[in-house]
Amino acid sequence: MPQRTSTLDWDVWQLLVATEAAGVALWAWNVDTDDFTMDHRAHQLWGVPDEGSRTFEQLSLCIHPEDLDKVRASFAATREIVGAYETDFRIMVGDQVRWISARGRGDDQGIVGRVMFGIFMDVSMRKAAEEAHEMIAGEMNHRIKNLFSIIQALASVASRSTSTKEEMTHDLMQRLAALSAAHDLIYTNLNEQHRAALLSDMLEALLKPYMGRAFDENRIRVTVPDVLVGESSATALALVIHELATNSIKYGALSAPAGVLAISCLEQGDDVVVVWKEAGGPRIVAAANPTGFGSKLLARSVSGTLGGSIKIAWPAEGVVITLCLSKARLGA
């Protein structure tokens, strides 16, 4: 059966219009003299004046230093490559970095009078999308590793602070619920990233489970200014507040019907000072052991991620905990 052919005769002007529409730039390389000849679009792409041919070495001055050796090796090997080839690399146009894709056919296919032909294409947008995907994948991997570390730490805290598996399960579920509540405030949907939440909203979400157990919601009073809590610090703050609330439920003001918890906050220069004050609980006769695993985790979270310090006072009427946090770290 005879092969059908197009009835359109493609002239040079039509081919130029087609390459322009496709964003394709043309080049020709004399394999003997090393002369590179490019069309007008290629000169625009490379940011070099249209002043006739130039050598490959002259054109190489525009190639990103980190890609130069790779490009030289790739072009030197083009004549040995069988079939089509494609080489992606970066060029410098002033302070701007562009990604270029050089494409052609190797093994001297289509060579005319010792001249090889090919095209350049600007693939900067594609490379930017690839880098964004890689960054997201790397961030996801980082977050998953952090999540595993947090769960391990929470499991260790729960195992040391409980005596039965039922208590451990409840403790761990409560801690995970606190982290979930903090996460929901920072990420309301997939399109809202690096969002900050108000400290008052964060405290309300984290303490809500304990308000139910404390019989009267008025027993927990929160008075704080409009301080922002950022993505990076939300998890650490959630762990700190949950640890303090858990201790209060077990040993402090929230363990007694008449107990009261008051949380206040003030800004002092570059710091945010949060005061956790309990009253009306069991009378304190001696300070609790400050070297327990939970206390170490608490101190590490405050001093590390939140860039601050923690002070604990033990008056007879109830514990007073002062958290001095870096305002910049808290809002990051």
Protein backbone atom coordinates (compact mmCIF):
# COMPACT_ATOMS: atom_id res chain seq x y z
CA MET A 1 0.00 0.00 0.00
CA PRO A 2 1.59 3.32 -1.02
CA GLN A 3 2.61 5.69 1.83
CA ARG A 4 0.69 8.95 2.00
CA THR A 5 2.71 12.14 1.81
CA SER A 6 1.86 15.72 2.77
CA THR A 7 0.75 18.04 -0.02
CA LEU A 8 2.39 21.00 1.73
CA ASP A 9 5.87 22.02 0.60
CA TRP A 10 7.71 23.30 3.66
CA ASP A 11 9.84 26.30 2.77
CA VAL A 12 12.45 27.94 4.98
CA TRP A 13 10.09 30.68 6.17
CA GLN A 14 7.45 28.18 7.29
CA LEU A 15 10.05 26.13 9.16
CA LEU A 16 11.34 29.26 10.91
CA VAL A 17 7.81 30.21 11.95
CA ALA A 18 7.26 26.70 13.31
CA THR A 19 10.51 26.69 15.33
CA GLU A 20 9.75 30.16 16.68
CA ALA A 21 6.29 29.04 17.78
CA ALA A 22 7.77 25.98 19.49
CA GLY A 23 10.50 27.97 21.26
CA VAL A 24 13.22 26.07 19.39
CA ALA A 25 16.63 27.65 18.70
CA LEU A 26 18.89 26.27 15.95
CA TRP A 27 22.62 25.61 16.00
CA ALA A 28 25.25 24.19 13.67
CA TRP A 29 28.67 22.87 14.72
CA ASN A 30 31.63 22.38 12.41
CA VAL A 31 33.36 19.34 13.89
CA ASP A 32 36.70 20.29 12.26
CA THR A 33 36.96 24.03 12.99
CA ASP A 34 34.90 24.00 16.23
CA ASP A 35 32.83 26.90 14.88
CA PHE A 36 29.36 27.28 16.35
CA THR A 37 26.69 29.06 14.32
CA MET A 38 23.35 29.89 15.90
CA ASP A 39 20.13 31.52 14.75
CA HIS A 40 18.76 34.75 16.20
CA ARG A 41 16.66 32.97 18.83
CA ALA A 42 19.68 31.00 20.07
CA HIS A 43 21.67 34.21 20.50
CA GLN A 44 18.78 35.66 22.53
CA LEU A 45 18.59 32.49 24.61
CA TRP A 46 22.30 32.60 25.42
CA GLY A 47 22.31 36.37 25.89
CA VAL A 48 25.16 36.89 23.42
CA PRO A 49 25.26 39.34 20.48
CA ASP A 50 24.41 38.03 17.02
CA GLU A 51 27.81 38.58 15.43
CA GLY A 52 28.23 35.47 13.34
CA SER A 53 29.83 32.20 14.34
CA ARG A 54 31.94 31.63 17.43
CA THR A 55 33.91 28.67 18.71
CA PHE A 56 32.58 26.22 21.24
CA GLU A 57 35.23 27.42 23.71
CA GLN A 58 34.01 31.01 23.34
CA LEU A 59 30.43 29.95 23.91
CA SER A 60 31.54 27.89 26.91
CA LEU A 61 32.26 31.11 28.80
CA CYS A 62 28.49 31.42 29.31
CA ILE A 63 28.08 27.92 30.77
CA HIS A 64 27.67 27.59 34.52
CA PRO A 65 31.07 26.61 36.00
CA GLU A 66 29.61 23.55 37.73
CA ASP A 67 28.27 22.21 34.40
CA LEU A 68 31.16 23.14 32.11
CA ASP A 69 33.12 19.89 32.26
CA LYS A 70 29.95 17.85 31.79
CA VAL A 71 28.95 19.87 28.71
CA ARG A 72 32.41 19.61 27.16
CA ALA A 73 32.42 15.86 27.66
CA SER A 74 28.89 15.53 26.28
CA PHE A 75 29.59 17.49 23.10
CA ALA A 76 32.86 15.65 22.55
CA ALA A 77 30.95 12.37 22.73
CA THR A 78 28.10 13.36 20.42
CA ARG A 79 29.76 11.88 17.35
CA GLU A 80 30.10 8.53 19.14
CA ILE A 81 26.48 8.42 20.32
CA VAL A 82 24.15 6.29 18.23
CA GLY A 83 20.78 7.96 17.65
CA ALA A 84 19.34 11.04 19.33
CA TYR A 85 20.96 12.67 22.34
CA GLU A 86 19.91 15.32 24.84
CA THR A 87 22.10 17.25 27.28
CA ASP A 88 20.70 19.62 29.91
CA PHE A 89 22.91 22.26 31.49
CA ARG A 90 22.87 25.72 33.01
CA ILE A 91 24.08 28.96 31.46
CA MET A 92 24.62 32.39 33.02
CA VAL A 93 22.93 35.38 31.41
CA GLY A 94 24.12 38.20 33.61
CA ASP A 95 22.98 37.25 37.12
CA GLN A 96 20.23 35.00 35.75
CA VAL A 97 20.58 31.22 35.56
CA ARG A 98 18.87 29.47 32.64
CA TRP A 99 18.54 25.79 31.95
CA ILE A 100 19.28 24.80 28.34
CA SER A 101 18.57 21.51 26.63
CA ALA A 102 20.85 20.75 23.66
CA ARG A 103 19.44 18.09 21.32
CA GLY A 104 20.65 16.46 18.12
CA ARG A 105 21.63 13.18 16.50
CA GLY A 106 24.95 11.45 17.03
CA ASP A 107 27.01 8.96 15.07
CA ASP A 108 27.33 11.58 12.27
CA GLN A 109 23.67 11.13 11.34
CA GLY A 110 22.55 14.13 9.28
CA ILE A 111 26.06 15.61 9.12
CA VAL A 112 26.48 17.82 6.08
CA GLY A 113 29.89 18.99 4.93
CA ARG A 114 31.44 18.26 8.33
CA VAL A 115 28.70 20.28 10.03
CA MET A 116 26.36 18.80 12.64
CA PHE A 117 22.98 20.33 13.38
CA GLY A 118 20.79 20.48 16.45
CA ILE A 119 18.55 22.63 18.60
CA PHE A 120 18.56 24.46 21.92
CA MET A 121 15.46 24.74 24.12
CA ASP A 122 14.90 26.78 27.26
CA VAL A 123 13.85 24.21 29.89
CA SER A 124 14.16 26.53 32.91
CA MET A 125 10.49 26.14 33.87
CA ARG A 126 10.67 22.36 33.70
CA LYS A 127 13.82 22.31 35.82
CA ALA A 128 12.23 24.67 38.35
CA ALA A 129 9.25 22.31 38.61
CA GLU A 130 11.58 19.32 39.05
CA GLU A 131 13.53 21.13 41.78
CA ALA A 132 10.27 22.04 43.51
CA HIS A 133 9.16 18.40 43.45
CA GLU A 134 12.54 17.31 44.82
CA MET A 135 12.33 19.91 47.57
CA ILE A 136 8.82 18.78 48.52
CA ALA A 137 9.96 15.15 48.54
CA GLY A 138 12.95 16.05 50.72
CA GLU A 139 10.76 18.06 53.08
CA MET A 140 8.29 15.19 53.30
CA ASN A 141 11.10 12.77 54.11
CA HIS A 142 12.41 15.15 56.76
CA ARG A 143 8.96 15.50 58.33
CA ILE A 144 8.39 11.76 58.36
CA LYS A 145 11.71 11.21 60.14
CA ASN A 146 10.80 13.91 62.66
CA LEU A 147 7.41 12.30 63.18
CA PHE A 148 9.02 8.93 63.94
CA SER A 149 11.39 10.60 66.39
CA ILE A 150 8.52 12.38 68.13
CA ILE A 151 6.46 9.20 68.42
CA GLN A 152 9.47 7.34 69.86
CA ALA A 153 9.98 10.10 72.41
CA LEU A 154 6.29 10.15 73.33
CA ALA A 155 6.23 6.38 73.72
CA SER A 156 9.25 6.58 76.03
CA VAL A 157 7.62 9.31 78.13
CA ALA A 158 4.36 7.37 78.36
CA SER A 159 6.11 4.13 79.36
CA ARG A 160 7.99 5.89 82.18
CA SER A 161 5.07 7.90 83.52
CA THR A 162 2.42 5.15 83.58
CA SER A 163 2.12 1.83 85.39
CA THR A 164 -0.36 -0.10 83.21
CA LYS A 165 -0.77 -0.58 79.48
CA GLU A 166 -4.19 1.07 79.64
CA GLU A 167 -2.68 4.18 81.24
CA MET A 168 0.13 4.19 78.71
CA THR A 169 -2.33 3.93 75.82
CA HIS A 170 -4.43 6.78 77.18
CA ASP A 171 -1.36 8.94 77.83
CA LEU A 172 0.04 8.35 74.36
CA MET A 173 -3.29 9.02 72.66
CA GLN A 174 -3.68 12.27 74.57
CA ARG A 175 -0.21 13.44 73.54
CA LEU A 176 -0.85 12.57 69.90
CA ALA A 177 -4.18 14.37 70.06
CA ALA A 178 -2.38 17.48 71.35
CA LEU A 179 0.05 17.36 68.43
CA SER A 180 -2.85 16.88 66.02
CA ALA A 181 -4.63 19.91 67.42
CA ALA A 182 -1.50 22.04 67.02
CA HIS A 183 -1.01 20.78 63.46
CA ASP A 184 -4.60 21.61 62.50
CA LEU A 185 -4.09 25.22 63.55
CA ILE A 186 -0.95 25.57 61.42
CA TYR A 187 -2.19 23.62 58.40
CA THR A 188 -5.87 24.10 57.71
CA ASN A 189 -5.56 22.80 54.13
CA LEU A 190 -2.94 21.83 51.57
CA ASN A 191 -2.82 25.31 50.06
CA GLU A 192 -1.92 27.04 53.33
CA GLN A 193 1.68 26.37 54.33
CA HIS A 194 3.94 28.20 56.79
CA ARG A 195 0.85 29.65 58.47
CA ALA A 196 1.08 31.08 61.97
CA ALA A 197 -1.54 30.63 64.70
CA LEU A 198 -2.35 32.78 67.70
CA LEU A 199 -0.89 31.55 70.97
CA SER A 200 -4.32 31.87 72.60
CA ASP A 201 -5.89 29.60 69.96
CA MET A 202 -3.04 27.12 70.35
CA LEU A 203 -3.42 26.98 74.13
CA GLU A 204 -7.19 26.60 73.89
CA ALA A 205 -6.87 23.69 71.45
CA LEU A 206 -4.19 21.97 73.53
CA LEU A 207 -5.99 22.36 76.86
CA LYS A 208 -9.49 21.54 75.66
CA PRO A 209 -9.20 17.80 76.55
CA TYR A 210 -8.19 18.72 80.10
CA MET A 211 -11.05 21.17 80.56
CA GLY A 212 -13.48 18.27 80.28
CA ARG A 213 -11.60 16.26 82.89
CA ALA A 214 -11.39 19.27 85.18
CA PHE A 215 -15.22 19.38 85.55
CA ASP A 216 -15.47 23.18 85.18
CA GLU A 217 -14.04 25.00 82.18
CA ASN A 218 -13.69 28.17 84.27
CA ARG A 219 -10.97 26.43 86.25
CA ILE A 220 -8.58 26.98 83.35
CA ARG A 221 -8.09 30.66 82.56
CA VAL A 222 -5.92 31.81 79.64
CA THR A 223 -4.95 35.48 79.31
CA VAL A 224 -2.41 36.10 76.58
CA PRO A 225 -1.78 38.85 73.98
CA ASP A 226 -1.82 38.27 70.22
CA VAL A 227 1.45 36.36 70.00
CA LEU A 228 2.03 34.20 66.92
CA VAL A 229 3.16 30.58 66.92
CA GLY A 230 4.80 29.39 63.71
CA GLU A 231 5.12 26.07 61.96
CA SER A 232 8.56 25.16 63.29
CA SER A 233 7.72 25.76 66.95
CA ALA A 234 4.15 24.39 67.06
CA THR A 235 5.15 20.79 67.75
CA ALA A 236 7.58 21.69 70.53
CA LEU A 237 5.06 24.01 72.18
CA ALA A 238 2.38 21.33 71.97
CA LEU A 239 4.66 18.83 73.73
CA VAL A 240 5.52 21.34 76.45
CA ILE A 241 1.91 22.33 77.18
CA HIS A 242 0.76 18.73 77.15
CA GLU A 243 3.51 17.71 79.57
CA LEU A 244 2.55 20.48 81.99
CA ALA A 245 -1.16 19.68 81.71
CA THR A 246 -0.56 15.96 82.23
CA ASN A 247 1.45 16.65 85.40
CA SER A 248 -1.30 18.96 86.64
CA ILE A 249 -3.98 16.32 86.05
CA LYS A 250 -1.92 13.71 87.93
CA TYR A 251 -0.36 15.68 90.75
CA GLY A 252 -1.35 19.34 90.58
CA ALA A 253 -4.30 21.71 90.59
CA LEU A 254 -6.34 19.87 87.95
CA SER A 255 -6.29 16.70 90.06
CA ALA A 256 -8.47 18.36 92.73
CA PRO A 257 -12.08 19.63 92.32
CA ALA A 258 -11.18 23.09 93.63
CA GLY A 259 -7.93 23.42 91.70
CA VAL A 260 -7.41 26.34 89.31
CA LEU A 261 -4.93 26.86 86.48
CA ALA A 262 -4.11 30.36 85.22
CA ILE A 263 -1.92 30.95 82.16
CA SER A 264 -0.73 34.49 81.43
CA CYS A 265 1.73 35.92 78.97
CA LEU A 266 3.61 39.13 78.35
CA GLU A 267 6.16 40.32 75.82
CA GLN A 268 9.55 41.49 77.09
CA GLY A 269 11.75 42.78 74.30
CA ASP A 270 12.76 39.84 72.14
CA ASP A 271 11.18 37.32 74.50
CA VAL A 272 7.72 36.01 75.28
CA VAL A 273 7.20 35.08 78.93
CA VAL A 274 4.47 32.54 79.66
CA VAL A 275 3.52 31.97 83.29
CA TRP A 276 1.73 28.72 84.23
CA LYS A 277 0.31 29.13 87.76
CA GLU A 278 -1.62 26.50 89.69
CA ALA A 279 -3.58 26.87 92.90
CA GLY A 280 -6.06 24.89 94.96
CA GLY A 281 -4.57 21.49 94.33
CA PRO A 282 -2.85 19.09 96.75
CA ARG A 283 -0.55 20.94 99.10
CA ILE A 284 3.03 20.80 97.89
CA VAL A 285 5.48 19.72 100.54
CA ALA A 286 8.50 19.06 98.35
CA ALA A 287 9.57 19.65 94.79
CA ALA A 288 8.99 16.81 92.36
CA ASN A 289 12.00 15.04 90.91
CA PRO A 290 13.40 17.47 88.30
CA THR A 291 15.59 14.87 86.61
CA GLY A 292 12.86 12.58 85.25
CA PHE A 293 12.57 11.76 81.58
CA GLY A 294 9.55 14.04 81.13
CA SER A 295 11.38 16.94 82.76
CA LYS A 296 14.37 16.42 80.49
CA LEU A 297 12.14 16.34 77.42
CA LEU A 298 10.43 19.50 78.64
CA ALA A 299 13.71 21.33 79.19
CA ARG A 300 15.10 20.16 75.84
CA SER A 301 12.03 21.39 73.95
CA VAL A 302 12.10 24.80 75.65
CA SER A 303 15.82 25.42 75.30
CA GLY A 304 16.23 23.84 71.87
CA THR A 305 13.39 24.51 69.45
CA LEU A 306 11.85 27.41 71.39
CA GLY A 307 15.19 29.04 72.23
CA GLY A 308 14.30 29.81 75.82
CA SER A 309 14.45 28.69 79.43
CA ILE A 310 12.15 27.24 82.08
CA LYS A 311 11.95 28.06 85.78
CA ILE A 312 9.85 26.14 88.29
CA ALA A 313 8.84 27.43 91.74
CA TRP A 314 7.14 25.27 94.35
CA PRO A 315 5.08 27.43 96.74
CA ALA A 316 2.73 25.46 99.00
CA GLU A 317 -0.42 26.67 97.20
CA GLY A 318 0.67 25.37 93.80
CA VAL A 319 3.45 25.13 91.25
CA VAL A 320 4.45 28.21 89.20
CA ILE A 321 6.23 27.56 85.93
CA THR A 322 7.76 30.40 83.94
CA LEU A 323 8.64 29.81 80.29
CA CYS A 324 10.86 32.45 78.74
CA LEU A 325 10.70 31.88 74.97
CA SER A 326 12.37 33.55 72.03
CA LYS A 327 9.74 35.57 70.15
CA ALA A 328 11.56 34.95 66.85
CA ARG A 329 11.77 31.17 67.45
CA LEU A 330 8.16 31.00 68.61
CA GLY A 331 6.86 32.66 65.46
CA ALA A 332 9.14 30.80 63.04
